[in-house]
């Protein structure tokens, strides 16, 4: 993959492998949006609430949040235990294209976040740096995640949503990204 999110040639070993894998899945996600209008990027094509632009927004927010976690620890994450229905509704906006949003803008923001993550991974003194996870019903109590574990999570999240995007795109106009 040769794009702006591909790891620099000087990065080797585990970091290069992690960043190359993440770059591959980012590519597949972005590729599902090729040649679409803003309206198509916001269109739901399945029983799900998901749309292609919303998936890119969500993955952008996830990657940004976890990169912040690597640097700042749990203070970078929301206090999930005190979130209201309104808070969860606002978070749901990351899964859809909102009025005034464009596919080009969403993709540009994703590229910026990806670039920042790649630079962070390259600059980390160690992938073993870890922080406690915030309290949330979906996290094991007192668990800690290393930068490595966070990157594996971001890779899994990106790959999963690239697959969702492929289904949505095929339902939209028959185009396939992965098969």
N, C-alpha and C. Protein backbone atom coordinates (compact mmCIF):
# COMPACT_ATOMS: atom_id res chain seq x y z
N UNK A 1 0.85 -1.16 0.00
CA UNK A 1 0.00 0.00 0.00
C UNK A 1 0.90 1.23 0.00
N UNK A 2 0.74 2.05 -0.94
CA UNK A 2 1.55 3.27 -0.88
C UNK A 2 0.59 4.45 -0.80
N UNK A 3 0.44 4.93 0.40
CA UNK A 3 -0.36 6.12 0.64
C UNK A 3 0.23 6.86 1.81
N UNK A 4 -0.39 7.95 2.21
CA UNK A 4 0.19 8.80 3.24
C UNK A 4 0.20 8.15 4.62
N UNK A 5 -0.51 7.05 4.79
CA UNK A 5 -0.54 6.43 6.11
C UNK A 5 0.38 5.21 6.20
N UNK A 6 1.10 4.90 5.12
CA UNK A 6 2.02 3.78 5.16
C UNK A 6 3.20 4.14 6.05
N UNK A 7 3.64 3.20 6.90
CA UNK A 7 4.75 3.49 7.80
C UNK A 7 6.02 3.88 7.03
N UNK A 8 6.79 4.75 7.63
CA UNK A 8 8.04 5.18 7.02
C UNK A 8 8.98 3.98 6.88
N UNK A 9 9.82 4.01 5.87
CA UNK A 9 10.75 2.91 5.60
C UNK A 9 11.70 2.66 6.77
N UNK A 10 11.97 3.67 7.59
CA UNK A 10 12.93 3.52 8.68
C UNK A 10 12.38 2.73 9.87
N UNK A 11 11.08 2.52 9.92
CA UNK A 11 10.49 1.74 11.01
C UNK A 11 10.60 0.27 10.63
N UNK A 12 11.08 -0.52 11.58
CA UNK A 12 11.28 -1.94 11.30
C UNK A 12 10.66 -2.79 12.40
N UNK A 13 10.70 -4.08 12.20
CA UNK A 13 10.27 -5.03 13.22
C UNK A 13 8.79 -4.97 13.53
N UNK A 14 8.50 -5.16 14.81
CA UNK A 14 7.11 -5.23 15.26
C UNK A 14 6.32 -3.98 14.91
N UNK A 15 6.90 -2.82 15.10
CA UNK A 15 6.20 -1.57 14.78
C UNK A 15 5.83 -1.50 13.31
N UNK A 16 6.77 -1.87 12.47
CA UNK A 16 6.50 -1.86 11.03
C UNK A 16 5.37 -2.83 10.69
N UNK A 17 5.40 -4.00 11.30
CA UNK A 17 4.34 -4.99 11.05
C UNK A 17 2.97 -4.47 11.49
N UNK A 18 2.91 -3.89 12.68
CA UNK A 18 1.64 -3.36 13.18
C UNK A 18 1.14 -2.24 12.29
N UNK A 19 2.02 -1.30 11.94
CA UNK A 19 1.59 -0.17 11.12
C UNK A 19 1.23 -0.59 9.70
N UNK A 20 1.94 -1.56 9.15
CA UNK A 20 1.61 -2.05 7.81
C UNK A 20 0.24 -2.72 7.81
N UNK A 21 -0.03 -3.51 8.84
CA UNK A 21 -1.34 -4.17 8.93
C UNK A 21 -2.45 -3.14 9.09
N UNK A 22 -2.24 -2.15 9.94
CA UNK A 22 -3.23 -1.10 10.11
C UNK A 22 -3.42 -0.33 8.81
N UNK A 23 -2.35 -0.02 8.10
CA UNK A 23 -2.45 0.70 6.82
C UNK A 23 -3.27 -0.10 5.81
N UNK A 24 -3.08 -1.42 5.79
CA UNK A 24 -3.83 -2.27 4.85
C UNK A 24 -5.33 -2.18 5.13
N UNK A 25 -5.71 -2.26 6.39
CA UNK A 25 -7.14 -2.23 6.72
C UNK A 25 -7.73 -0.83 6.54
N UNK A 26 -6.93 0.20 6.81
CA UNK A 26 -7.38 1.57 6.51
C UNK A 26 -7.66 1.71 5.02
N UNK A 27 -6.75 1.17 4.22
CA UNK A 27 -6.93 1.24 2.76
C UNK A 27 -8.25 0.60 2.33
N UNK A 28 -8.52 -0.60 2.84
CA UNK A 28 -9.76 -1.28 2.46
C UNK A 28 -10.98 -0.46 2.87
N UNK A 29 -10.94 0.13 4.05
CA UNK A 29 -12.07 0.96 4.49
C UNK A 29 -12.24 2.16 3.56
N UNK A 30 -11.16 2.87 3.29
CA UNK A 30 -11.26 4.03 2.40
C UNK A 30 -11.70 3.62 1.00
N UNK A 31 -11.21 2.47 0.54
CA UNK A 31 -11.50 2.01 -0.81
C UNK A 31 -12.99 1.79 -1.03
N UNK A 32 -13.71 1.43 0.03
CA UNK A 32 -15.17 1.22 -0.12
C UNK A 32 -15.89 2.50 -0.47
N UNK A 33 -15.27 3.64 -0.26
CA UNK A 33 -15.93 4.92 -0.53
C UNK A 33 -15.58 5.49 -1.91
N UNK A 34 -14.81 4.77 -2.69
CA UNK A 34 -14.36 5.29 -3.98
C UNK A 34 -15.54 5.65 -4.88
N UNK A 35 -15.42 6.80 -5.52
CA UNK A 35 -16.39 7.27 -6.53
C UNK A 35 -17.79 7.50 -5.98
N UNK A 36 -17.95 7.70 -4.69
CA UNK A 36 -19.27 7.95 -4.12
C UNK A 36 -19.54 9.44 -3.97
N UNK A 37 -20.80 9.79 -4.04
CA UNK A 37 -21.22 11.15 -3.71
C UNK A 37 -21.40 11.25 -2.19
N UNK A 38 -21.53 12.46 -1.70
CA UNK A 38 -21.79 12.65 -0.27
C UNK A 38 -23.10 11.97 0.11
N UNK A 39 -24.09 12.08 -0.76
CA UNK A 39 -25.38 11.46 -0.47
C UNK A 39 -25.25 9.94 -0.37
N UNK A 40 -24.52 9.33 -1.27
CA UNK A 40 -24.33 7.88 -1.22
C UNK A 40 -23.55 7.47 0.03
N UNK A 41 -22.57 8.27 0.41
CA UNK A 41 -21.76 7.96 1.60
C UNK A 41 -22.60 7.99 2.87
N UNK A 42 -23.70 8.73 2.84
CA UNK A 42 -24.58 8.81 4.00
C UNK A 42 -25.78 7.89 3.95
N UNK A 43 -25.89 7.14 2.89
CA UNK A 43 -27.07 6.28 2.69
C UNK A 43 -26.95 4.96 3.44
N UNK A 44 -28.02 4.59 4.13
CA UNK A 44 -28.14 3.27 4.76
C UNK A 44 -28.61 2.29 3.69
N UNK A 45 -27.94 1.15 3.61
CA UNK A 45 -28.32 0.16 2.58
C UNK A 45 -28.69 -1.19 3.16
N UNK A 46 -28.60 -1.31 4.47
CA UNK A 46 -28.91 -2.58 5.14
C UNK A 46 -29.85 -2.29 6.31
N UNK A 47 -30.21 -3.31 7.04
CA UNK A 47 -31.07 -3.13 8.22
C UNK A 47 -30.35 -2.34 9.30
N UNK A 48 -29.05 -2.28 9.22
CA UNK A 48 -28.24 -1.55 10.19
C UNK A 48 -28.40 -0.04 10.02
N UNK A 49 -28.04 0.69 11.05
CA UNK A 49 -28.02 2.16 10.99
C UNK A 49 -26.76 2.68 10.29
N UNK A 50 -25.85 1.77 9.96
CA UNK A 50 -24.53 2.17 9.45
C UNK A 50 -24.59 2.65 8.01
N UNK A 51 -23.71 3.62 7.72
CA UNK A 51 -23.48 4.08 6.36
C UNK A 51 -21.96 4.19 6.18
N UNK A 52 -21.50 4.30 4.96
CA UNK A 52 -20.06 4.31 4.71
C UNK A 52 -19.37 5.51 5.33
N UNK A 53 -19.92 6.69 5.15
CA UNK A 53 -19.31 7.88 5.76
C UNK A 53 -19.30 7.79 7.27
N UNK A 54 -20.36 7.25 7.84
CA UNK A 54 -20.44 7.08 9.29
C UNK A 54 -19.41 6.08 9.81
N UNK A 55 -19.18 5.02 9.05
CA UNK A 55 -18.16 4.05 9.47
C UNK A 55 -16.77 4.69 9.49
N UNK A 56 -16.48 5.49 8.47
CA UNK A 56 -15.18 6.17 8.45
C UNK A 56 -15.09 7.13 9.64
N UNK A 57 -16.17 7.86 9.91
CA UNK A 57 -16.17 8.76 11.07
C UNK A 57 -15.95 7.99 12.37
N UNK A 58 -16.62 6.88 12.51
CA UNK A 58 -16.49 6.08 13.73
C UNK A 58 -15.06 5.57 13.90
N UNK A 59 -14.49 5.00 12.86
CA UNK A 59 -13.14 4.47 12.96
C UNK A 59 -12.15 5.60 13.24
N UNK A 60 -12.40 6.76 12.67
CA UNK A 60 -11.56 7.93 12.96
C UNK A 60 -11.62 8.28 14.44
N UNK A 61 -12.83 8.33 14.99
CA UNK A 61 -13.00 8.66 16.41
C UNK A 61 -12.36 7.60 17.31
N UNK A 62 -12.52 6.35 16.94
CA UNK A 62 -11.93 5.26 17.74
C UNK A 62 -10.41 5.37 17.73
N UNK A 63 -9.84 5.54 16.55
CA UNK A 63 -8.38 5.62 16.46
C UNK A 63 -7.85 6.85 17.21
N UNK A 64 -8.52 7.98 17.05
CA UNK A 64 -8.11 9.19 17.77
C UNK A 64 -8.15 8.97 19.28
N UNK A 65 -9.25 8.39 19.76
CA UNK A 65 -9.42 8.16 21.19
C UNK A 65 -8.38 7.23 21.77
N UNK A 66 -8.08 6.16 21.05
CA UNK A 66 -7.09 5.21 21.56
C UNK A 66 -5.67 5.77 21.46
N UNK A 67 -5.38 6.56 20.45
CA UNK A 67 -4.06 7.22 20.39
C UNK A 67 -3.92 8.18 21.57
N UNK A 68 -4.98 8.90 21.87
CA UNK A 68 -4.95 9.79 23.05
C UNK A 68 -4.73 8.97 24.32
N UNK A 69 -5.35 7.80 24.40
CA UNK A 69 -5.17 6.93 25.57
C UNK A 69 -3.71 6.51 25.72
N UNK A 70 -3.05 6.18 24.61
CA UNK A 70 -1.64 5.79 24.68
C UNK A 70 -0.82 6.90 25.32
N UNK A 71 -1.13 8.15 24.97
CA UNK A 71 -0.36 9.30 25.46
C UNK A 71 -0.80 9.73 26.85
N UNK A 72 -2.11 9.82 27.06
CA UNK A 72 -2.65 10.44 28.28
C UNK A 72 -3.19 9.46 29.32
N UNK A 73 -3.39 8.23 28.93
CA UNK A 73 -3.98 7.27 29.85
C UNK A 73 -5.49 7.42 29.92
N UNK A 74 -6.11 6.89 30.97
CA UNK A 74 -7.57 6.84 31.05
C UNK A 74 -8.24 8.21 31.08
N UNK A 75 -7.50 9.26 31.42
CA UNK A 75 -8.12 10.59 31.42
C UNK A 75 -8.53 11.03 30.01
N UNK A 76 -7.99 10.37 28.99
CA UNK A 76 -8.36 10.69 27.61
C UNK A 76 -9.70 10.08 27.21
N UNK A 77 -10.19 9.16 28.04
CA UNK A 77 -11.42 8.45 27.71
C UNK A 77 -12.59 9.08 28.46
N UNK A 78 -13.79 8.95 27.90
CA UNK A 78 -14.96 9.45 28.62
C UNK A 78 -15.20 8.67 29.90
N UNK A 79 -15.92 9.27 30.82
CA UNK A 79 -16.35 8.57 32.03
C UNK A 79 -17.62 7.81 31.66
N UNK A 80 -17.44 6.57 31.26
CA UNK A 80 -18.56 5.77 30.77
C UNK A 80 -19.61 5.53 31.85
N UNK A 81 -19.17 5.48 33.10
CA UNK A 81 -20.10 5.17 34.18
C UNK A 81 -21.11 6.28 34.42
N UNK A 82 -20.82 7.50 33.99
CA UNK A 82 -21.75 8.61 34.23
C UNK A 82 -22.40 9.11 32.94
N UNK A 83 -22.26 8.36 31.86
CA UNK A 83 -22.84 8.80 30.59
C UNK A 83 -24.36 8.67 30.63
N UNK A 84 -25.02 9.66 30.06
CA UNK A 84 -26.48 9.67 29.99
C UNK A 84 -26.92 9.17 28.62
N UNK A 85 -28.22 8.99 28.47
CA UNK A 85 -28.76 8.60 27.17
C UNK A 85 -28.42 9.66 26.12
N UNK A 86 -28.44 10.92 26.52
CA UNK A 86 -28.09 12.00 25.60
C UNK A 86 -26.64 11.90 25.15
N UNK A 87 -25.74 11.55 26.08
CA UNK A 87 -24.33 11.36 25.74
C UNK A 87 -24.18 10.24 24.72
N UNK A 88 -24.88 9.13 24.96
CA UNK A 88 -24.80 8.01 24.02
C UNK A 88 -25.40 8.39 22.67
N UNK A 89 -26.45 9.18 22.66
CA UNK A 89 -27.05 9.63 21.41
C UNK A 89 -26.07 10.49 20.62
N UNK A 90 -25.34 11.38 21.31
CA UNK A 90 -24.33 12.20 20.64
C UNK A 90 -23.23 11.33 20.05
N UNK A 91 -22.83 10.32 20.79
CA UNK A 91 -21.80 9.42 20.29
C UNK A 91 -22.30 8.65 19.06
N UNK A 92 -23.60 8.42 18.98
CA UNK A 92 -24.17 7.71 17.83
C UNK A 92 -24.05 8.54 16.56
N UNK A 93 -23.89 9.86 16.69
CA UNK A 93 -23.73 10.71 15.50
C UNK A 93 -22.48 10.37 14.72
N UNK A 94 -21.51 9.72 15.37
CA UNK A 94 -20.30 9.35 14.65
C UNK A 94 -20.55 8.22 13.66
N UNK A 95 -21.72 7.61 13.69
CA UNK A 95 -22.05 6.53 12.77
C UNK A 95 -22.86 7.00 11.55
N UNK A 96 -23.10 8.30 11.44
CA UNK A 96 -23.87 8.79 10.29
C UNK A 96 -23.29 10.10 9.80
N UNK A 97 -23.59 10.37 8.56
CA UNK A 97 -23.18 11.65 7.96
C UNK A 97 -24.20 12.69 8.41
N UNK A 98 -23.71 13.75 8.99
CA UNK A 98 -24.59 14.82 9.47
C UNK A 98 -24.68 15.92 8.42
N UNK A 99 -25.72 16.74 8.48
CA UNK A 99 -25.84 17.84 7.52
C UNK A 99 -24.57 18.69 7.51
N UNK A 100 -24.10 18.99 6.32
CA UNK A 100 -22.90 19.80 6.16
C UNK A 100 -21.61 18.99 6.09
N UNK A 101 -21.66 17.71 6.47
CA UNK A 101 -20.46 16.89 6.37
C UNK A 101 -20.32 16.36 4.95
N UNK A 102 -19.08 16.25 4.51
CA UNK A 102 -18.80 15.72 3.18
C UNK A 102 -17.92 14.48 3.31
N UNK A 103 -18.01 13.64 2.32
CA UNK A 103 -17.15 12.46 2.30
C UNK A 103 -15.69 12.90 2.23
N UNK A 104 -15.39 13.90 1.43
CA UNK A 104 -14.01 14.38 1.33
C UNK A 104 -13.51 14.87 2.69
N UNK A 105 -14.34 15.57 3.43
CA UNK A 105 -13.95 16.06 4.75
C UNK A 105 -13.74 14.93 5.74
N UNK A 106 -14.61 13.94 5.70
CA UNK A 106 -14.50 12.78 6.59
C UNK A 106 -13.21 12.01 6.29
N UNK A 107 -12.92 11.81 5.01
CA UNK A 107 -11.72 11.09 4.63
C UNK A 107 -10.45 11.87 4.96
N UNK A 108 -10.51 13.19 4.83
CA UNK A 108 -9.36 14.03 5.17
C UNK A 108 -9.06 13.93 6.67
N UNK A 109 -10.10 13.98 7.48
CA UNK A 109 -9.90 13.86 8.93
C UNK A 109 -9.33 12.49 9.28
N UNK A 110 -9.81 11.45 8.62
CA UNK A 110 -9.29 10.10 8.86
C UNK A 110 -7.80 10.03 8.52
N UNK A 111 -7.41 10.62 7.39
CA UNK A 111 -5.99 10.62 6.99
C UNK A 111 -5.14 11.36 8.02
N UNK A 112 -5.65 12.46 8.55
CA UNK A 112 -4.91 13.23 9.56
C UNK A 112 -4.73 12.41 10.84
N UNK A 113 -5.79 11.75 11.28
CA UNK A 113 -5.71 10.93 12.49
C UNK A 113 -4.75 9.75 12.25
N UNK A 114 -4.83 9.13 11.09
CA UNK A 114 -3.95 8.01 10.77
C UNK A 114 -2.49 8.45 10.79
N UNK A 115 -2.21 9.59 10.21
CA UNK A 115 -0.85 10.12 10.18
C UNK A 115 -0.34 10.35 11.61
N UNK A 116 -1.18 10.93 12.44
CA UNK A 116 -0.80 11.19 13.84
C UNK A 116 -0.52 9.88 14.57
N UNK A 117 -1.36 8.86 14.36
CA UNK A 117 -1.14 7.57 15.00
C UNK A 117 0.18 6.96 14.55
N UNK A 118 0.44 7.00 13.25
CA UNK A 118 1.69 6.44 12.73
C UNK A 118 2.90 7.13 13.33
N UNK A 119 2.84 8.45 13.43
CA UNK A 119 3.95 9.20 14.04
C UNK A 119 4.10 8.85 15.52
N UNK A 120 2.99 8.70 16.22
CA UNK A 120 3.03 8.33 17.63
C UNK A 120 3.70 6.97 17.81
N UNK A 121 3.30 6.00 17.03
CA UNK A 121 3.87 4.65 17.14
C UNK A 121 5.37 4.68 16.85
N UNK A 122 5.76 5.44 15.86
CA UNK A 122 7.18 5.54 15.52
C UNK A 122 7.99 6.18 16.66
N UNK A 123 7.39 7.11 17.37
CA UNK A 123 8.11 7.87 18.40
C UNK A 123 8.06 7.25 19.79
N UNK A 124 7.18 6.30 20.02
CA UNK A 124 7.06 5.72 21.36
C UNK A 124 8.37 5.08 21.80
N UNK A 125 8.79 5.33 23.03
CA UNK A 125 10.00 4.67 23.51
C UNK A 125 9.83 3.15 23.60
N UNK A 126 8.59 2.71 23.85
CA UNK A 126 8.32 1.27 23.98
C UNK A 126 6.84 1.02 23.73
N UNK A 127 6.55 -0.10 23.09
CA UNK A 127 5.16 -0.51 22.92
C UNK A 127 4.59 -1.12 24.20
N UNK A 128 5.46 -1.29 25.19
CA UNK A 128 5.04 -1.87 26.46
C UNK A 128 4.43 -0.85 27.42
N UNK A 129 4.55 0.45 27.10
CA UNK A 129 3.96 1.46 27.98
C UNK A 129 2.47 1.15 28.13
N UNK A 130 1.98 1.17 29.37
CA UNK A 130 0.58 0.80 29.56
C UNK A 130 -0.10 1.74 30.54
N UNK A 131 -1.43 1.69 30.48
CA UNK A 131 -2.28 2.50 31.36
C UNK A 131 -3.46 1.64 31.80
N UNK A 132 -4.03 1.97 32.95
CA UNK A 132 -5.26 1.27 33.35
C UNK A 132 -6.40 1.70 32.44
N UNK A 133 -7.26 0.78 32.13
CA UNK A 133 -8.45 1.11 31.35
C UNK A 133 -9.44 1.85 32.25
N UNK A 134 -10.24 2.73 31.66
CA UNK A 134 -11.26 3.39 32.47
C UNK A 134 -12.33 2.39 32.88
N UNK A 135 -13.10 2.75 33.89
CA UNK A 135 -14.19 1.88 34.30
C UNK A 135 -15.28 1.92 33.24
N UNK A 136 -15.68 0.74 32.81
CA UNK A 136 -16.76 0.59 31.83
C UNK A 136 -17.23 -0.85 31.91
N UNK A 137 -18.50 -1.09 31.66
CA UNK A 137 -19.03 -2.45 31.76
C UNK A 137 -18.35 -3.44 30.81
N UNK A 138 -17.75 -2.95 29.74
CA UNK A 138 -17.16 -3.84 28.74
C UNK A 138 -15.66 -4.06 28.96
N UNK A 139 -15.06 -3.41 29.96
CA UNK A 139 -13.65 -3.62 30.28
C UNK A 139 -13.53 -4.45 31.55
N UNK A 140 -12.56 -5.34 31.56
CA UNK A 140 -12.29 -6.13 32.75
C UNK A 140 -11.81 -5.18 33.86
N UNK A 141 -12.33 -5.34 35.07
CA UNK A 141 -11.89 -4.46 36.17
C UNK A 141 -10.38 -4.52 36.38
N UNK A 142 -9.80 -3.38 36.59
CA UNK A 142 -8.37 -3.21 36.87
C UNK A 142 -7.45 -3.66 35.73
N UNK A 143 -7.99 -3.80 34.53
CA UNK A 143 -7.17 -4.20 33.39
C UNK A 143 -6.30 -3.03 32.94
N UNK A 144 -5.16 -3.36 32.38
CA UNK A 144 -4.25 -2.38 31.82
C UNK A 144 -3.98 -2.78 30.38
N UNK A 145 -3.89 -1.79 29.51
CA UNK A 145 -3.55 -2.06 28.11
C UNK A 145 -2.27 -1.34 27.76
N UNK A 146 -1.37 -2.08 27.11
CA UNK A 146 -0.14 -1.50 26.60
C UNK A 146 -0.44 -0.81 25.26
N UNK A 147 0.51 -0.02 24.81
CA UNK A 147 0.37 0.60 23.49
C UNK A 147 0.20 -0.48 22.43
N UNK A 148 0.91 -1.58 22.58
CA UNK A 148 0.78 -2.70 21.64
C UNK A 148 -0.66 -3.22 21.62
N UNK A 149 -1.24 -3.45 22.80
CA UNK A 149 -2.61 -3.97 22.90
C UNK A 149 -3.60 -2.98 22.30
N UNK A 150 -3.37 -1.70 22.51
CA UNK A 150 -4.23 -0.67 21.92
C UNK A 150 -4.15 -0.73 20.40
N UNK A 151 -2.95 -0.85 19.86
CA UNK A 151 -2.80 -0.92 18.40
C UNK A 151 -3.49 -2.16 17.83
N UNK A 152 -3.36 -3.29 18.53
CA UNK A 152 -4.06 -4.49 18.08
C UNK A 152 -5.57 -4.27 18.08
N UNK A 153 -6.07 -3.56 19.08
CA UNK A 153 -7.50 -3.26 19.15
C UNK A 153 -7.92 -2.35 17.99
N UNK A 154 -7.13 -1.34 17.69
CA UNK A 154 -7.44 -0.42 16.59
C UNK A 154 -7.40 -1.17 15.26
N UNK A 155 -6.44 -2.08 15.09
CA UNK A 155 -6.38 -2.89 13.87
C UNK A 155 -7.64 -3.75 13.74
N UNK A 156 -8.03 -4.40 14.83
CA UNK A 156 -9.23 -5.26 14.80
C UNK A 156 -10.47 -4.44 14.49
N UNK A 157 -10.59 -3.29 15.13
CA UNK A 157 -11.76 -2.42 14.91
C UNK A 157 -11.81 -1.96 13.45
N UNK A 158 -10.67 -1.56 12.91
CA UNK A 158 -10.61 -1.09 11.53
C UNK A 158 -10.96 -2.21 10.57
N UNK A 159 -10.40 -3.39 10.79
CA UNK A 159 -10.68 -4.54 9.92
C UNK A 159 -12.15 -4.93 9.98
N UNK A 160 -12.72 -4.96 11.17
CA UNK A 160 -14.13 -5.32 11.32
C UNK A 160 -15.01 -4.34 10.55
N UNK A 161 -14.74 -3.06 10.70
CA UNK A 161 -15.58 -2.07 10.04
C UNK A 161 -15.31 -1.98 8.54
N UNK A 162 -14.11 -2.35 8.10
CA UNK A 162 -13.86 -2.43 6.66
C UNK A 162 -14.74 -3.53 6.05
N UNK A 163 -14.92 -4.62 6.78
CA UNK A 163 -15.82 -5.67 6.32
C UNK A 163 -17.27 -5.21 6.28
N UNK A 164 -17.69 -4.49 7.33
CA UNK A 164 -19.04 -3.91 7.32
C UNK A 164 -19.20 -2.99 6.11
N UNK A 165 -18.20 -2.18 5.87
CA UNK A 165 -18.26 -1.22 4.77
C UNK A 165 -18.39 -1.93 3.43
N UNK A 166 -17.70 -3.05 3.27
CA UNK A 166 -17.78 -3.80 2.03
C UNK A 166 -19.21 -4.27 1.77
N UNK A 167 -19.87 -4.75 2.81
CA UNK A 167 -21.27 -5.20 2.67
C UNK A 167 -22.18 -4.02 2.33
N UNK A 168 -21.98 -2.92 3.01
CA UNK A 168 -22.81 -1.74 2.75
C UNK A 168 -22.60 -1.26 1.31
N UNK A 169 -21.36 -1.22 0.86
CA UNK A 169 -21.07 -0.77 -0.51
C UNK A 169 -21.69 -1.71 -1.53
N UNK A 170 -21.55 -3.01 -1.32
CA UNK A 170 -22.14 -3.96 -2.26
C UNK A 170 -23.65 -3.80 -2.31
N UNK A 171 -24.28 -3.52 -1.17
CA UNK A 171 -25.72 -3.30 -1.13
C UNK A 171 -26.09 -2.00 -1.81
N UNK A 172 -25.21 -1.03 -1.78
CA UNK A 172 -25.47 0.28 -2.40
C UNK A 172 -25.49 0.20 -3.92
N UNK A 173 -24.44 -0.36 -4.50
CA UNK A 173 -24.36 -0.33 -5.97
C UNK A 173 -23.69 -1.55 -6.58
N UNK A 174 -23.50 -2.59 -5.79
CA UNK A 174 -22.91 -3.82 -6.31
C UNK A 174 -21.39 -3.84 -6.32
N UNK A 175 -20.76 -2.72 -6.04
CA UNK A 175 -19.28 -2.67 -6.05
C UNK A 175 -18.76 -3.46 -4.85
N UNK A 176 -17.65 -4.16 -5.07
CA UNK A 176 -17.02 -4.93 -4.00
C UNK A 176 -15.63 -4.39 -3.76
N UNK A 177 -15.22 -4.46 -2.51
CA UNK A 177 -13.89 -3.99 -2.15
C UNK A 177 -12.95 -5.14 -1.83
N UNK A 178 -13.50 -6.23 -1.36
CA UNK A 178 -12.67 -7.30 -0.82
C UNK A 178 -12.98 -8.66 -1.40
N UNK A 179 -13.50 -8.76 -2.57
CA UNK A 179 -13.77 -10.12 -2.99
C UNK A 179 -14.34 -10.25 -4.34
